[in-house]
Amino acid sequence: MTQAAAGSTADMVLRPVENADLATLLALYRHLNAEDPLLEPQLAESRFAEILAHPGMTIFAAFAGPQAISSATLVVIPNLTRGGAPYALIENVVTHADYRLRGLAGTVMRKAVAAAWEKNCYKVMLLTSSKDPATLRFYADCGFTQDKTGFQIRRPATARPMATVPILPARS
């Protein structure tokens, strides 16, 4: 455990990330997917600028001083059903290994869900690839239920960019 982690989280600050937080956020994300390739600095800066400018997208993070120690990304999506009420997705939930089991992720999740309710979302969804009972219990303790079936499709490594895929005519 690092010296900073050995201290209390009483001085923790929870807020949306800002432009100056990129380096500490990238360091925190190594605790989510350590095997992910490191982004080139220019690409990271460009993507982060897109995220910060994207309407309805917020990364909430808990900070111990300047260090991001827990975060979750909230995306609020406009909708034409449910009376026009938007819905939200939560992604990239992570806590620095030295700060786990202190309630930080739950605090960040409550903030993200509250922000979704403030935007009049009718539901908040998340997916997890974890099968760990403790992780699943954590999400249940945050108020999430496993009452739907989730699906995903991942882009194959050999897939061409969508702009080059021919569009077939509709069948009559």
N, C-alpha and C. Protein backbone atom coordinates (compact mmCIF):
# COMPACT_ATOMS: atom_id res chain seq x y z
N MET A 1 0.86 -1.18 0.00
CA MET A 1 0.00 0.00 0.00
C MET A 1 0.89 1.23 0.00
N THR A 2 0.54 2.19 -0.84
CA THR A 2 1.36 3.40 -0.91
C THR A 2 1.16 4.25 0.33
N GLN A 3 2.08 5.18 0.53
CA GLN A 3 1.99 6.08 1.68
C GLN A 3 0.69 6.87 1.64
N ALA A 4 0.32 7.38 0.44
CA ALA A 4 -0.91 8.17 0.32
C ALA A 4 -2.12 7.30 0.62
N ALA A 5 -2.10 6.06 0.18
CA ALA A 5 -3.25 5.19 0.39
C ALA A 5 -3.39 4.80 1.85
N ALA A 6 -2.30 4.82 2.58
CA ALA A 6 -2.37 4.43 3.98
C ALA A 6 -3.16 5.44 4.80
N GLY A 7 -3.28 6.67 4.30
CA GLY A 7 -4.00 7.71 5.01
C GLY A 7 -5.50 7.57 4.88
N SER A 8 -6.20 8.48 5.51
CA SER A 8 -7.66 8.49 5.50
C SER A 8 -8.19 9.03 4.18
N THR A 9 -9.41 8.62 3.85
CA THR A 9 -10.09 9.18 2.68
C THR A 9 -11.03 10.30 3.11
N ALA A 10 -10.88 10.78 4.34
CA ALA A 10 -11.76 11.84 4.85
C ALA A 10 -11.66 13.11 4.02
N ASP A 11 -10.49 13.37 3.44
CA ASP A 11 -10.30 14.57 2.64
C ASP A 11 -10.62 14.34 1.16
N MET A 12 -11.25 13.22 0.86
CA MET A 12 -11.59 12.90 -0.52
C MET A 12 -12.55 13.94 -1.08
N VAL A 13 -12.36 14.28 -2.35
CA VAL A 13 -13.25 15.19 -3.07
C VAL A 13 -13.87 14.40 -4.22
N LEU A 14 -15.17 14.52 -4.38
CA LEU A 14 -15.89 13.85 -5.47
C LEU A 14 -16.41 14.92 -6.42
N ARG A 15 -16.01 14.82 -7.70
CA ARG A 15 -16.42 15.83 -8.67
C ARG A 15 -16.27 15.29 -10.08
N PRO A 16 -16.89 15.96 -11.06
CA PRO A 16 -16.64 15.60 -12.45
C PRO A 16 -15.18 15.90 -12.80
N VAL A 17 -14.59 15.07 -13.65
CA VAL A 17 -13.21 15.32 -14.05
C VAL A 17 -13.13 16.57 -14.91
N GLU A 18 -11.95 17.14 -14.93
CA GLU A 18 -11.66 18.35 -15.70
C GLU A 18 -10.45 18.09 -16.59
N ASN A 19 -10.18 19.02 -17.46
CA ASN A 19 -9.10 18.88 -18.43
C ASN A 19 -7.76 18.51 -17.78
N ALA A 20 -7.46 19.09 -16.63
CA ALA A 20 -6.18 18.84 -15.96
C ALA A 20 -6.07 17.44 -15.35
N ASP A 21 -7.16 16.67 -15.35
CA ASP A 21 -7.19 15.36 -14.69
C ASP A 21 -6.80 14.19 -15.59
N LEU A 22 -6.45 14.44 -16.84
CA LEU A 22 -6.20 13.35 -17.77
C LEU A 22 -5.15 12.37 -17.27
N ALA A 23 -4.00 12.83 -16.85
CA ALA A 23 -2.91 11.93 -16.45
C ALA A 23 -3.32 11.04 -15.29
N THR A 24 -3.95 11.60 -14.28
CA THR A 24 -4.33 10.80 -13.12
C THR A 24 -5.47 9.84 -13.46
N LEU A 25 -6.36 10.23 -14.37
CA LEU A 25 -7.43 9.34 -14.79
C LEU A 25 -6.86 8.15 -15.57
N LEU A 26 -5.92 8.41 -16.47
CA LEU A 26 -5.28 7.32 -17.21
C LEU A 26 -4.55 6.37 -16.26
N ALA A 27 -3.91 6.90 -15.24
CA ALA A 27 -3.24 6.06 -14.24
C ALA A 27 -4.26 5.20 -13.50
N LEU A 28 -5.40 5.78 -13.15
CA LEU A 28 -6.45 5.02 -12.47
C LEU A 28 -6.98 3.91 -13.37
N TYR A 29 -7.17 4.19 -14.65
CA TYR A 29 -7.70 3.18 -15.57
C TYR A 29 -6.78 1.97 -15.71
N ARG A 30 -5.53 2.09 -15.36
CA ARG A 30 -4.63 0.91 -15.37
C ARG A 30 -5.12 -0.11 -14.34
N HIS A 31 -5.88 0.33 -13.34
CA HIS A 31 -6.42 -0.58 -12.33
C HIS A 31 -7.72 -1.25 -12.81
N LEU A 32 -8.23 -0.79 -13.93
CA LEU A 32 -9.44 -1.39 -14.53
C LEU A 32 -9.04 -2.46 -15.52
N ASN A 33 -8.19 -2.11 -16.46
CA ASN A 33 -7.74 -3.03 -17.50
C ASN A 33 -6.24 -2.85 -17.71
N ALA A 34 -5.47 -3.50 -16.86
CA ALA A 34 -4.01 -3.33 -16.90
C ALA A 34 -3.43 -3.79 -18.23
N GLU A 35 -4.12 -4.69 -18.93
CA GLU A 35 -3.60 -5.21 -20.19
C GLU A 35 -3.91 -4.31 -21.38
N ASP A 36 -4.73 -3.29 -21.19
CA ASP A 36 -5.03 -2.36 -22.29
C ASP A 36 -3.74 -1.68 -22.74
N PRO A 37 -3.60 -1.49 -24.05
CA PRO A 37 -2.42 -0.75 -24.51
C PRO A 37 -2.49 0.70 -24.03
N LEU A 38 -1.33 1.27 -23.76
CA LEU A 38 -1.27 2.68 -23.38
C LEU A 38 -1.60 3.52 -24.60
N LEU A 39 -2.40 4.56 -24.39
CA LEU A 39 -2.72 5.46 -25.48
C LEU A 39 -1.56 6.40 -25.76
N GLU A 40 -1.34 6.70 -27.01
CA GLU A 40 -0.37 7.74 -27.36
C GLU A 40 -0.88 9.04 -26.74
N PRO A 41 -0.02 9.87 -26.22
CA PRO A 41 -0.47 11.11 -25.55
C PRO A 41 -1.40 11.97 -26.39
N GLN A 42 -1.10 12.14 -27.67
CA GLN A 42 -1.94 12.98 -28.51
C GLN A 42 -3.34 12.38 -28.67
N LEU A 43 -3.43 11.06 -28.83
CA LEU A 43 -4.73 10.41 -28.94
C LEU A 43 -5.50 10.52 -27.63
N ALA A 44 -4.81 10.31 -26.50
CA ALA A 44 -5.46 10.42 -25.19
C ALA A 44 -6.02 11.83 -24.99
N GLU A 45 -5.24 12.84 -25.33
CA GLU A 45 -5.70 14.23 -25.18
C GLU A 45 -6.90 14.51 -26.07
N SER A 46 -6.87 14.00 -27.30
CA SER A 46 -7.97 14.20 -28.23
C SER A 46 -9.25 13.51 -27.74
N ARG A 47 -9.13 12.25 -27.32
CA ARG A 47 -10.30 11.52 -26.81
C ARG A 47 -10.86 12.18 -25.56
N PHE A 48 -9.98 12.61 -24.67
CA PHE A 48 -10.43 13.23 -23.43
C PHE A 48 -11.16 14.54 -23.73
N ALA A 49 -10.67 15.31 -24.69
CA ALA A 49 -11.35 16.54 -25.08
C ALA A 49 -12.74 16.22 -25.63
N GLU A 50 -12.85 15.14 -26.42
CA GLU A 50 -14.15 14.72 -26.93
C GLU A 50 -15.09 14.35 -25.79
N ILE A 51 -14.58 13.62 -24.82
CA ILE A 51 -15.40 13.20 -23.68
C ILE A 51 -15.90 14.42 -22.92
N LEU A 52 -15.00 15.34 -22.62
CA LEU A 52 -15.38 16.52 -21.85
C LEU A 52 -16.40 17.39 -22.59
N ALA A 53 -16.34 17.38 -23.92
CA ALA A 53 -17.25 18.20 -24.72
C ALA A 53 -18.54 17.48 -25.08
N HIS A 54 -18.61 16.18 -24.85
CA HIS A 54 -19.76 15.38 -25.27
C HIS A 54 -20.97 15.67 -24.38
N PRO A 55 -22.06 16.17 -24.97
CA PRO A 55 -23.25 16.46 -24.15
C PRO A 55 -23.77 15.19 -23.46
N GLY A 56 -24.03 15.31 -22.17
CA GLY A 56 -24.59 14.19 -21.42
C GLY A 56 -23.58 13.19 -20.90
N MET A 57 -22.30 13.41 -21.16
CA MET A 57 -21.27 12.47 -20.70
C MET A 57 -20.47 13.12 -19.59
N THR A 58 -20.37 12.42 -18.45
CA THR A 58 -19.64 12.93 -17.30
C THR A 58 -18.85 11.79 -16.68
N ILE A 59 -17.60 12.03 -16.41
CA ILE A 59 -16.80 11.08 -15.62
C ILE A 59 -16.74 11.66 -14.21
N PHE A 60 -17.34 10.95 -13.26
CA PHE A 60 -17.27 11.36 -11.86
C PHE A 60 -16.07 10.65 -11.24
N ALA A 61 -15.29 11.37 -10.46
CA ALA A 61 -14.12 10.77 -9.83
C ALA A 61 -13.97 11.24 -8.41
N ALA A 62 -13.49 10.34 -7.58
CA ALA A 62 -13.09 10.66 -6.22
C ALA A 62 -11.59 10.93 -6.26
N PHE A 63 -11.18 12.00 -5.60
CA PHE A 63 -9.78 12.41 -5.59
C PHE A 63 -9.26 12.44 -4.16
N ALA A 64 -8.05 11.94 -3.98
CA ALA A 64 -7.28 12.12 -2.74
C ALA A 64 -6.16 13.07 -3.13
N GLY A 65 -6.33 14.33 -2.82
CA GLY A 65 -5.42 15.34 -3.34
C GLY A 65 -5.59 15.39 -4.85
N PRO A 66 -4.49 15.38 -5.60
CA PRO A 66 -4.61 15.43 -7.06
C PRO A 66 -4.83 14.06 -7.71
N GLN A 67 -4.79 12.99 -6.91
CA GLN A 67 -4.86 11.63 -7.45
C GLN A 67 -6.29 11.14 -7.56
N ALA A 68 -6.70 10.73 -8.77
CA ALA A 68 -8.00 10.08 -8.96
C ALA A 68 -7.90 8.68 -8.38
N ILE A 69 -8.82 8.35 -7.46
CA ILE A 69 -8.74 7.06 -6.78
C ILE A 69 -9.96 6.18 -7.04
N SER A 70 -11.01 6.73 -7.62
CA SER A 70 -12.20 5.94 -7.98
C SER A 70 -12.98 6.75 -9.01
N SER A 71 -13.59 6.06 -9.97
CA SER A 71 -14.37 6.80 -10.97
C SER A 71 -15.43 5.93 -11.61
N ALA A 72 -16.37 6.60 -12.26
CA ALA A 72 -17.40 5.96 -13.07
C ALA A 72 -17.81 6.96 -14.14
N THR A 73 -18.07 6.46 -15.32
CA THR A 73 -18.52 7.30 -16.43
C THR A 73 -20.02 7.16 -16.59
N LEU A 74 -20.71 8.29 -16.64
CA LEU A 74 -22.16 8.34 -16.84
C LEU A 74 -22.43 8.95 -18.21
N VAL A 75 -23.28 8.29 -18.99
CA VAL A 75 -23.71 8.82 -20.28
C VAL A 75 -25.23 8.89 -20.27
N VAL A 76 -25.77 10.09 -20.42
CA VAL A 76 -27.22 10.30 -20.48
C VAL A 76 -27.60 10.40 -21.95
N ILE A 77 -28.57 9.58 -22.37
CA ILE A 77 -28.93 9.45 -23.77
C ILE A 77 -30.36 9.93 -24.00
N PRO A 78 -30.54 10.91 -24.90
CA PRO A 78 -31.90 11.36 -25.21
C PRO A 78 -32.73 10.21 -25.79
N ASN A 79 -34.04 10.32 -25.67
CA ASN A 79 -34.90 9.19 -25.99
C ASN A 79 -36.23 9.68 -26.55
N LEU A 80 -36.81 8.94 -27.46
CA LEU A 80 -38.14 9.27 -28.00
C LEU A 80 -39.24 8.36 -27.47
N THR A 81 -38.89 7.43 -26.57
CA THR A 81 -39.91 6.61 -25.92
C THR A 81 -39.98 7.02 -24.45
N ARG A 82 -40.82 6.36 -23.69
CA ARG A 82 -40.96 6.64 -22.25
C ARG A 82 -41.25 8.12 -22.00
N GLY A 83 -42.12 8.68 -22.85
CA GLY A 83 -42.49 10.08 -22.68
C GLY A 83 -41.35 11.04 -22.93
N GLY A 84 -40.34 10.61 -23.66
CA GLY A 84 -39.18 11.45 -23.94
C GLY A 84 -38.14 11.45 -22.83
N ALA A 85 -38.36 10.64 -21.79
CA ALA A 85 -37.38 10.59 -20.69
C ALA A 85 -36.10 9.92 -21.18
N PRO A 86 -34.95 10.51 -20.92
CA PRO A 86 -33.69 9.89 -21.31
C PRO A 86 -33.40 8.66 -20.44
N TYR A 87 -32.40 7.92 -20.86
CA TYR A 87 -31.89 6.82 -20.04
C TYR A 87 -30.38 7.01 -19.93
N ALA A 88 -29.75 6.27 -19.04
CA ALA A 88 -28.32 6.46 -18.80
C ALA A 88 -27.59 5.13 -18.77
N LEU A 89 -26.32 5.21 -19.11
CA LEU A 89 -25.40 4.07 -19.03
C LEU A 89 -24.25 4.46 -18.10
N ILE A 90 -23.80 3.51 -17.33
CA ILE A 90 -22.61 3.69 -16.51
C ILE A 90 -21.56 2.70 -17.00
N GLU A 91 -20.35 3.19 -17.15
CA GLU A 91 -19.26 2.39 -17.69
C GLU A 91 -17.98 2.76 -16.95
N ASN A 92 -16.96 1.92 -17.08
CA ASN A 92 -15.62 2.19 -16.55
C ASN A 92 -15.63 2.51 -15.06
N VAL A 93 -16.27 1.65 -14.29
CA VAL A 93 -16.28 1.79 -12.82
C VAL A 93 -14.98 1.17 -12.30
N VAL A 94 -14.20 1.96 -11.59
CA VAL A 94 -12.91 1.46 -11.12
C VAL A 94 -12.50 2.20 -9.85
N THR A 95 -11.82 1.47 -8.97
CA THR A 95 -11.18 2.06 -7.79
C THR A 95 -9.73 1.60 -7.77
N HIS A 96 -8.84 2.52 -7.48
CA HIS A 96 -7.42 2.22 -7.34
C HIS A 96 -7.27 1.08 -6.34
N ALA A 97 -6.40 0.12 -6.63
CA ALA A 97 -6.23 -1.06 -5.78
C ALA A 97 -5.92 -0.71 -4.33
N ASP A 98 -5.17 0.36 -4.10
CA ASP A 98 -4.80 0.74 -2.74
C ASP A 98 -5.95 1.35 -1.95
N TYR A 99 -7.06 1.66 -2.62
CA TYR A 99 -8.18 2.34 -1.96
C TYR A 99 -9.46 1.51 -1.95
N ARG A 100 -9.38 0.25 -2.33
CA ARG A 100 -10.58 -0.57 -2.40
C ARG A 100 -11.09 -0.94 -1.00
N LEU A 101 -12.35 -1.29 -0.96
CA LEU A 101 -13.04 -1.73 0.26
C LEU A 101 -13.17 -0.59 1.28
N ARG A 102 -13.28 0.63 0.80
CA ARG A 102 -13.48 1.79 1.68
C ARG A 102 -14.79 2.52 1.37
N GLY A 103 -15.58 1.97 0.44
CA GLY A 103 -16.85 2.58 0.10
C GLY A 103 -16.77 3.66 -0.97
N LEU A 104 -15.59 3.85 -1.55
CA LEU A 104 -15.43 4.91 -2.55
C LEU A 104 -16.25 4.65 -3.81
N ALA A 105 -16.20 3.44 -4.33
CA ALA A 105 -16.95 3.14 -5.55
C ALA A 105 -18.44 3.34 -5.34
N GLY A 106 -18.94 2.94 -4.19
CA GLY A 106 -20.36 3.15 -3.88
C GLY A 106 -20.71 4.62 -3.84
N THR A 107 -19.82 5.43 -3.29
CA THR A 107 -20.04 6.88 -3.24
C THR A 107 -20.08 7.46 -4.65
N VAL A 108 -19.14 7.04 -5.49
CA VAL A 108 -19.10 7.51 -6.88
C VAL A 108 -20.35 7.05 -7.63
N MET A 109 -20.74 5.81 -7.43
CA MET A 109 -21.94 5.28 -8.11
C MET A 109 -23.19 6.04 -7.67
N ARG A 110 -23.32 6.31 -6.39
CA ARG A 110 -24.50 7.07 -5.92
C ARG A 110 -24.54 8.45 -6.55
N LYS A 111 -23.38 9.08 -6.71
CA LYS A 111 -23.31 10.40 -7.36
C LYS A 111 -23.74 10.29 -8.82
N ALA A 112 -23.27 9.28 -9.52
CA ALA A 112 -23.62 9.11 -10.94
C ALA A 112 -25.11 8.83 -11.10
N VAL A 113 -25.66 7.97 -10.27
CA VAL A 113 -27.09 7.67 -10.35
C VAL A 113 -27.92 8.90 -10.00
N ALA A 114 -27.52 9.63 -8.98
CA ALA A 114 -28.24 10.86 -8.61
C ALA A 114 -28.22 11.86 -9.77
N ALA A 115 -27.08 11.96 -10.46
CA ALA A 115 -26.99 12.86 -11.61
C ALA A 115 -27.94 12.41 -12.72
N ALA A 116 -28.09 11.10 -12.92
CA ALA A 116 -29.03 10.58 -13.92
C ALA A 116 -30.46 10.94 -13.53
N TRP A 117 -30.81 10.79 -12.26
CA TRP A 117 -32.16 11.15 -11.81
C TRP A 117 -32.40 12.65 -11.99
N GLU A 118 -31.38 13.46 -11.72
CA GLU A 118 -31.51 14.91 -11.91
C GLU A 118 -31.80 15.26 -13.37
N LYS A 119 -31.34 14.41 -14.30
CA LYS A 119 -31.58 14.63 -15.73
C LYS A 119 -32.88 13.95 -16.18
N ASN A 120 -33.67 13.47 -15.21
CA ASN A 120 -34.96 12.84 -15.48
C ASN A 120 -34.86 11.51 -16.22
N CYS A 121 -33.74 10.81 -16.08
CA CYS A 121 -33.62 9.50 -16.71
C CYS A 121 -34.63 8.54 -16.08
N TYR A 122 -35.21 7.69 -16.90
CA TYR A 122 -36.16 6.73 -16.35
C TYR A 122 -35.47 5.45 -15.90
N LYS A 123 -34.22 5.23 -16.34
CA LYS A 123 -33.45 4.07 -15.87
C LYS A 123 -31.97 4.34 -16.06
N VAL A 124 -31.16 3.61 -15.30
CA VAL A 124 -29.71 3.63 -15.43
C VAL A 124 -29.27 2.18 -15.61
N MET A 125 -28.47 1.94 -16.63
CA MET A 125 -28.01 0.58 -16.93
C MET A 125 -26.50 0.50 -16.83
N LEU A 126 -26.02 -0.70 -16.57
CA LEU A 126 -24.60 -0.98 -16.68
C LEU A 126 -24.43 -2.44 -17.01
N LEU A 127 -23.31 -2.76 -17.59
CA LEU A 127 -22.92 -4.14 -17.84
C LEU A 127 -21.61 -4.38 -17.12
N THR A 128 -21.41 -5.60 -16.68
CA THR A 128 -20.13 -5.99 -16.12
C THR A 128 -19.77 -7.35 -16.68
N SER A 129 -18.51 -7.54 -16.97
CA SER A 129 -18.05 -8.86 -17.40
C SER A 129 -17.64 -9.70 -16.20
N SER A 130 -17.65 -9.10 -15.03
CA SER A 130 -17.23 -9.81 -13.82
C SER A 130 -18.24 -10.88 -13.42
N LYS A 131 -17.71 -11.99 -13.03
CA LYS A 131 -18.53 -13.07 -12.46
C LYS A 131 -18.30 -13.18 -10.96
N ASP A 132 -17.43 -12.33 -10.45
CA ASP A 132 -17.08 -12.34 -9.03
C ASP A 132 -18.32 -11.99 -8.20
N PRO A 133 -18.74 -12.88 -7.28
CA PRO A 133 -19.92 -12.60 -6.47
C PRO A 133 -19.84 -11.29 -5.70
N ALA A 134 -18.65 -10.89 -5.28
CA ALA A 134 -18.51 -9.63 -4.54
C ALA A 134 -18.81 -8.43 -5.45
N THR A 135 -18.38 -8.50 -6.69
CA THR A 135 -18.65 -7.42 -7.64
C THR A 135 -20.15 -7.34 -7.94
N LEU A 136 -20.76 -8.50 -8.17
CA LEU A 136 -22.20 -8.53 -8.46
C LEU A 136 -22.99 -8.04 -7.25
N ARG A 137 -22.56 -8.40 -6.06
CA ARG A 137 -23.21 -7.93 -4.82
C ARG A 137 -23.05 -6.41 -4.68
N PHE A 138 -21.88 -5.91 -5.05
CA PHE A 138 -21.65 -4.47 -5.02
C PHE A 138 -22.68 -3.74 -5.87
N TYR A 139 -22.86 -4.18 -7.09
CA TYR A 139 -23.84 -3.51 -7.97
C TYR A 139 -25.25 -3.66 -7.42
N ALA A 140 -25.57 -4.81 -6.87
CA ALA A 140 -26.89 -4.98 -6.25
C ALA A 140 -27.05 -4.04 -5.06
N ASP A 141 -26.00 -3.90 -4.27
CA ASP A 141 -26.05 -2.98 -3.12
C ASP A 141 -26.19 -1.52 -3.56
N CYS A 142 -25.77 -1.23 -4.80
CA CYS A 142 -25.94 0.12 -5.36
C CYS A 142 -27.36 0.33 -5.90
N GLY A 143 -28.18 -0.73 -5.86
CA GLY A 143 -29.57 -0.60 -6.31
C GLY A 143 -29.86 -1.24 -7.65
N PHE A 144 -28.86 -1.78 -8.32
CA PHE A 144 -29.08 -2.39 -9.62
C PHE A 144 -29.65 -3.80 -9.46
N THR A 145 -30.52 -4.18 -10.39
CA THR A 145 -31.10 -5.52 -10.39
C THR A 145 -30.70 -6.24 -11.67
N GLN A 146 -30.61 -7.55 -11.59
CA GLN A 146 -30.31 -8.38 -12.76
C GLN A 146 -31.63 -8.94 -13.29
N ASP A 147 -32.44 -8.06 -13.85
CA ASP A 147 -33.74 -8.50 -14.34
C ASP A 147 -33.91 -8.34 -15.84
N LYS A 148 -32.82 -8.10 -16.53
CA LYS A 148 -32.82 -8.03 -18.00
C LYS A 148 -31.66 -8.86 -18.51
N THR A 149 -31.70 -9.18 -19.79
CA THR A 149 -30.60 -9.90 -20.43
C THR A 149 -29.81 -8.92 -21.27
N GLY A 150 -28.53 -8.85 -21.06
CA GLY A 150 -27.68 -7.93 -21.81
C GLY A 150 -26.93 -8.67 -22.91
N PHE A 151 -26.74 -7.99 -24.01
CA PHE A 151 -25.97 -8.52 -25.11
C PHE A 151 -24.97 -7.47 -25.54
N GLN A 152 -23.89 -7.92 -26.16
CA GLN A 152 -22.92 -7.01 -26.74
C GLN A 152 -22.33 -7.66 -27.97
N ILE A 153 -21.82 -6.87 -28.83
CA ILE A 153 -21.05 -7.36 -29.97
C ILE A 153 -19.80 -6.50 -30.04
N ARG A 154 -18.68 -7.16 -30.18
CA ARG A 154 -17.41 -6.43 -30.24
C ARG A 154 -16.89 -6.48 -31.67
N ARG A 155 -16.30 -5.39 -32.06
CA ARG A 155 -15.76 -5.29 -33.40
C ARG A 155 -14.61 -6.28 -33.57
N PRO A 156 -14.69 -7.12 -34.61
CA PRO A 156 -13.58 -8.05 -34.87
C PRO A 156 -12.31 -7.28 -35.25
N ALA A 157 -11.18 -7.82 -34.92
CA ALA A 157 -9.91 -7.16 -35.21
C ALA A 157 -9.72 -6.95 -36.71
N THR A 158 -10.35 -7.79 -37.52
CA THR A 158 -10.19 -7.70 -38.97
C THR A 158 -11.26 -6.86 -39.63
N ALA A 159 -12.18 -6.28 -38.86
CA ALA A 159 -13.28 -5.51 -39.45
C ALA A 159 -12.77 -4.24 -40.11
N ARG A 160 -13.39 -3.92 -41.22
CA ARG A 160 -13.08 -2.66 -41.91
C ARG A 160 -13.84 -1.54 -41.23
N PRO A 161 -13.33 -0.32 -41.29
CA PRO A 161 -14.11 0.81 -40.75
C PRO A 161 -15.46 0.88 -41.44
N MET A 162 -16.47 1.30 -40.70
CA MET A 162 -17.83 1.34 -41.22
C MET A 162 -17.95 2.17 -42.49
N ALA A 163 -17.14 3.21 -42.65
CA ALA A 163 -17.24 4.07 -43.82
C ALA A 163 -16.91 3.33 -45.11
N THR A 164 -16.18 2.21 -45.02
CA THR A 164 -15.80 1.48 -46.23
C THR A 164 -16.66 0.25 -46.45
N VAL A 165 -17.59 -0.02 -45.56
CA VAL A 165 -18.46 -1.19 -45.73
C VAL A 165 -19.56 -0.82 -46.72
N PRO A 166 -19.72 -1.60 -47.80
CA PRO A 166 -20.77 -1.25 -48.77
C PRO A 166 -22.16 -1.40 -48.15
N ILE A 167 -23.03 -0.49 -48.51
CA ILE A 167 -24.41 -0.54 -48.04
C ILE A 167 -25.23 -1.27 -49.08
N LEU A 168 -25.87 -2.35 -48.65
CA LEU A 168 -26.68 -3.16 -49.57
C LEU A 168 -28.06 -2.55 -49.72
N PRO A 169 -28.64 -2.67 -50.91
CA PRO A 169 -30.00 -2.16 -51.08
C PRO A 169 -30.99 -2.96 -50.23
N ALA A 170 -32.05 -2.30 -49.81
CA ALA A 170 -33.09 -2.95 -49.02
C ALA A 170 -33.81 -3.99 -49.88
N ARG A 171 -34.21 -5.07 -49.24
CA ARG A 171 -34.98 -6.11 -49.95
C ARG A 171 -36.40 -5.62 -50.13
N SER A 172 -36.99 -5.96 -51.27
CA SER A 172 -38.39 -5.56 -51.51
C SER A 172 -39.35 -6.54 -50.92
